[in-house]
Amino acid sequence: MKIMGLILLIGGWLIAVAGLLITDATGMRMIMALVGFGTTIAGLMTVNKGHTAHAIWKGRGGLA
């Protein structure tokens, strides 16, 4: 789950940067930036969900 979130985070950043390189149109750059931002937010939520699923305070061994 954390690996998938990391891929989404990097992918979202790459989408936003690719929007700068692909076109000169401001509207298209805005759309690409928003798509990249959305992908990055989805990645953050995925990483957070993966982290809290195996959090130390859950009490599945370790320090709890």
N, C-alpha and C. Protein backbone atom coordinates (compact mmCIF):
# COMPACT_ATOMS: atom_id res chain seq x y z
N MET A 1 0.82 -1.18 0.00
CA MET A 1 0.00 0.00 0.00
C MET A 1 0.88 1.26 0.00
N LYS A 2 1.95 1.22 0.79
CA LYS A 2 2.83 2.39 0.84
C LYS A 2 3.57 2.58 -0.48
N ILE A 3 3.93 1.48 -1.13
CA ILE A 3 4.62 1.56 -2.43
C ILE A 3 3.69 2.19 -3.47
N MET A 4 2.42 1.77 -3.48
CA MET A 4 1.46 2.33 -4.42
C MET A 4 1.28 3.84 -4.17
N GLY A 5 1.23 4.23 -2.90
CA GLY A 5 1.11 5.64 -2.57
C GLY A 5 2.31 6.44 -3.03
N LEU A 6 3.50 5.86 -2.87
CA LEU A 6 4.71 6.53 -3.33
C LEU A 6 4.71 6.68 -4.85
N ILE A 7 4.25 5.66 -5.55
CA ILE A 7 4.15 5.75 -7.01
C ILE A 7 3.17 6.84 -7.41
N LEU A 8 2.03 6.94 -6.70
CA LEU A 8 1.06 8.01 -7.00
C LEU A 8 1.64 9.38 -6.72
N LEU A 9 2.39 9.51 -5.62
CA LEU A 9 3.01 10.80 -5.30
C LEU A 9 3.98 11.25 -6.40
N ILE A 10 4.86 10.35 -6.79
CA ILE A 10 5.84 10.69 -7.82
C ILE A 10 5.14 10.90 -9.16
N GLY A 11 4.15 10.07 -9.45
CA GLY A 11 3.40 10.22 -10.71
C GLY A 11 2.68 11.55 -10.80
N GLY A 12 2.09 11.98 -9.70
CA GLY A 12 1.41 13.28 -9.69
C GLY A 12 2.37 14.43 -9.93
N TRP A 13 3.54 14.34 -9.33
CA TRP A 13 4.55 15.37 -9.55
C TRP A 13 4.99 15.37 -11.02
N LEU A 14 5.18 14.18 -11.57
CA LEU A 14 5.62 14.08 -12.97
C LEU A 14 4.54 14.60 -13.93
N ILE A 15 3.28 14.36 -13.62
CA ILE A 15 2.20 14.89 -14.46
C ILE A 15 2.23 16.41 -14.47
N ALA A 16 2.39 17.01 -13.29
CA ALA A 16 2.42 18.47 -13.22
C ALA A 16 3.62 19.05 -13.96
N VAL A 17 4.78 18.43 -13.82
CA VAL A 17 5.97 18.91 -14.52
C VAL A 17 5.84 18.68 -16.03
N ALA A 18 5.26 17.55 -16.42
CA ALA A 18 5.08 17.27 -17.85
C ALA A 18 4.16 18.29 -18.49
N GLY A 19 3.18 18.79 -17.73
CA GLY A 19 2.30 19.82 -18.26
C GLY A 19 3.06 21.08 -18.65
N LEU A 20 4.13 21.37 -17.96
CA LEU A 20 4.94 22.54 -18.31
C LEU A 20 5.74 22.29 -19.59
N LEU A 21 6.14 21.06 -19.79
CA LEU A 21 7.00 20.75 -20.94
C LEU A 21 6.21 20.45 -22.21
N ILE A 22 4.98 19.97 -22.06
CA ILE A 22 4.20 19.53 -23.22
C ILE A 22 3.61 20.69 -24.01
N THR A 23 3.05 21.68 -23.30
CA THR A 23 2.31 22.72 -24.00
C THR A 23 2.66 24.11 -23.47
N ASP A 24 2.36 25.10 -24.29
CA ASP A 24 2.51 26.49 -23.89
C ASP A 24 1.18 27.13 -23.51
N ALA A 25 0.08 26.41 -23.75
CA ALA A 25 -1.25 26.95 -23.45
C ALA A 25 -1.48 26.96 -21.94
N THR A 26 -1.89 28.11 -21.44
CA THR A 26 -2.07 28.27 -20.01
C THR A 26 -3.19 27.38 -19.48
N GLY A 27 -4.27 27.25 -20.22
CA GLY A 27 -5.39 26.42 -19.79
C GLY A 27 -5.00 24.96 -19.66
N MET A 28 -4.26 24.47 -20.61
CA MET A 28 -3.83 23.08 -20.57
C MET A 28 -2.84 22.85 -19.43
N ARG A 29 -1.98 23.82 -19.20
CA ARG A 29 -1.05 23.71 -18.08
C ARG A 29 -1.80 23.66 -16.75
N MET A 30 -2.87 24.46 -16.65
CA MET A 30 -3.68 24.48 -15.43
C MET A 30 -4.36 23.13 -15.22
N ILE A 31 -4.89 22.57 -16.29
CA ILE A 31 -5.54 21.26 -16.20
C ILE A 31 -4.54 20.19 -15.78
N MET A 32 -3.36 20.19 -16.40
CA MET A 32 -2.35 19.21 -16.05
C MET A 32 -1.89 19.38 -14.59
N ALA A 33 -1.77 20.62 -14.14
CA ALA A 33 -1.37 20.87 -12.75
C ALA A 33 -2.44 20.35 -11.78
N LEU A 34 -3.71 20.56 -12.11
CA LEU A 34 -4.78 20.09 -11.24
C LEU A 34 -4.87 18.56 -11.22
N VAL A 35 -4.66 17.93 -12.37
CA VAL A 35 -4.65 16.47 -12.42
C VAL A 35 -3.47 15.93 -11.61
N GLY A 36 -2.31 16.56 -11.76
CA GLY A 36 -1.15 16.15 -10.97
C GLY A 36 -1.37 16.36 -9.49
N PHE A 37 -1.99 17.47 -9.12
CA PHE A 37 -2.29 17.75 -7.72
C PHE A 37 -3.26 16.71 -7.16
N GLY A 38 -4.28 16.37 -7.92
CA GLY A 38 -5.23 15.35 -7.49
C GLY A 38 -4.58 13.99 -7.31
N THR A 39 -3.69 13.64 -8.23
CA THR A 39 -2.98 12.37 -8.13
C THR A 39 -2.08 12.35 -6.90
N THR A 40 -1.43 13.46 -6.63
CA THR A 40 -0.56 13.56 -5.47
C THR A 40 -1.36 13.45 -4.17
N ILE A 41 -2.51 14.09 -4.11
CA ILE A 41 -3.36 14.00 -2.92
C ILE A 41 -3.83 12.57 -2.71
N ALA A 42 -4.20 11.88 -3.80
CA ALA A 42 -4.59 10.47 -3.69
C ALA A 42 -3.42 9.64 -3.16
N GLY A 43 -2.22 9.94 -3.60
CA GLY A 43 -1.04 9.25 -3.10
C GLY A 43 -0.81 9.50 -1.63
N LEU A 44 -0.99 10.74 -1.19
CA LEU A 44 -0.84 11.06 0.22
C LEU A 44 -1.86 10.31 1.08
N MET A 45 -3.09 10.25 0.60
CA MET A 45 -4.12 9.52 1.35
C MET A 45 -3.81 8.03 1.40
N THR A 46 -3.27 7.48 0.33
CA THR A 46 -2.91 6.07 0.30
C THR A 46 -1.77 5.77 1.25
N VAL A 47 -0.75 6.62 1.25
CA VAL A 47 0.38 6.44 2.17
C VAL A 47 -0.11 6.55 3.61
N ASN A 48 -0.98 7.52 3.88
CA ASN A 48 -1.49 7.71 5.23
C ASN A 48 -2.30 6.49 5.68
N LYS A 49 -3.13 5.96 4.79
CA LYS A 49 -3.91 4.78 5.14
C LYS A 49 -3.01 3.58 5.40
N GLY A 50 -1.98 3.41 4.60
CA GLY A 50 -1.03 2.31 4.82
C GLY A 50 -0.27 2.48 6.11
N HIS A 51 0.04 3.72 6.45
CA HIS A 51 0.78 3.97 7.69
C HIS A 51 -0.09 3.70 8.91
N THR A 52 -1.32 4.20 8.90
CA THR A 52 -2.18 4.03 10.07
C THR A 52 -2.66 2.59 10.22
N ALA A 53 -2.65 1.81 9.16
CA ALA A 53 -3.04 0.41 9.27
C ALA A 53 -2.02 -0.39 10.08
N HIS A 54 -0.76 0.02 10.04
CA HIS A 54 0.30 -0.68 10.76
C HIS A 54 0.95 0.22 11.81
N ALA A 55 0.18 1.13 12.38
CA ALA A 55 0.73 2.09 13.33
C ALA A 55 1.11 1.42 14.64
N ILE A 56 2.06 2.01 15.31
CA ILE A 56 2.60 1.43 16.53
C ILE A 56 1.57 1.42 17.66
N TRP A 57 0.63 2.37 17.66
CA TRP A 57 -0.35 2.44 18.73
C TRP A 57 -1.52 1.47 18.54
N LYS A 58 -1.52 0.72 17.44
CA LYS A 58 -2.58 -0.27 17.21
C LYS A 58 -2.44 -1.47 18.13
N GLY A 59 -1.26 -1.72 18.67
CA GLY A 59 -1.08 -2.77 19.65
C GLY A 59 -0.86 -4.16 19.08
N ARG A 60 -0.31 -4.27 17.88
CA ARG A 60 -0.04 -5.58 17.29
C ARG A 60 1.40 -6.00 17.52
N GLY A 61 1.85 -5.94 18.71
CA GLY A 61 3.23 -6.30 18.99
C GLY A 61 4.12 -5.09 19.07
N GLY A 62 5.39 -5.32 19.14
CA GLY A 62 6.34 -4.22 19.19
C GLY A 62 6.32 -3.54 20.54
N LEU A 63 6.10 -2.26 20.55
CA LEU A 63 6.19 -1.48 21.78
C LEU A 63 4.88 -1.41 22.55
N ALA A 64 3.78 -1.79 21.96
CA ALA A 64 2.48 -1.64 22.62
C ALA A 64 2.20 -2.72 23.62
